[in-house]
Amino acid sequence: MESGFPWRKWVQLADRFLGEDFWSDLEKEVPDSVPKVDVYHTRSEVIVLVDLPGMEDLSRLQLRTDGQHLMIKGNIPSRYDRLDVSVAERPKGEFHRSIPLGAWVTRHQARARYRRGVLEVRLPKVSAPKTAPIRVREG
């Protein structure tokens, strides 16, 4: 299905002026969302699974919530920093990510555990905060 915008022509022009390798080179430069996550819902909680292979020091892992997002920050160490690399696809180094949860949650009674390279965070769902009118005064 065509959208009305001539994508094919645009890509051909980009290939002509930027080179055919432009897209594959760009893909390598654009950071992937790291770490990878899955978010699941039950009636009473939101379950977030986070891939964190090689996370050795859990005290350097920070988790926070604003009620609608899970913010995660940490550092995955690299054991081979001083070696030459021919392929590097595994996540390493500092990371931070804000994960939309799709529901209101509370940090109270939240649980987190790390096992076999996967962090599991369980956050209890709560009702959305009530809105209240704000009066506007003149002057």
Foldseek 3Di string as FASTA:
>chain_A
DDPPDPVVVVLVVCCVVVNPCVVVVVVVVDDDQPPDWDWDDDPWKIKIKTQAPQPDDCVQWDWDDPFFKIKIWGFRDDPPPPDDDDDDDDDGGIDIDIGGHPAGFDPVVWDWDDDPRMIMIITTGDHDDDDDDDDDDDD
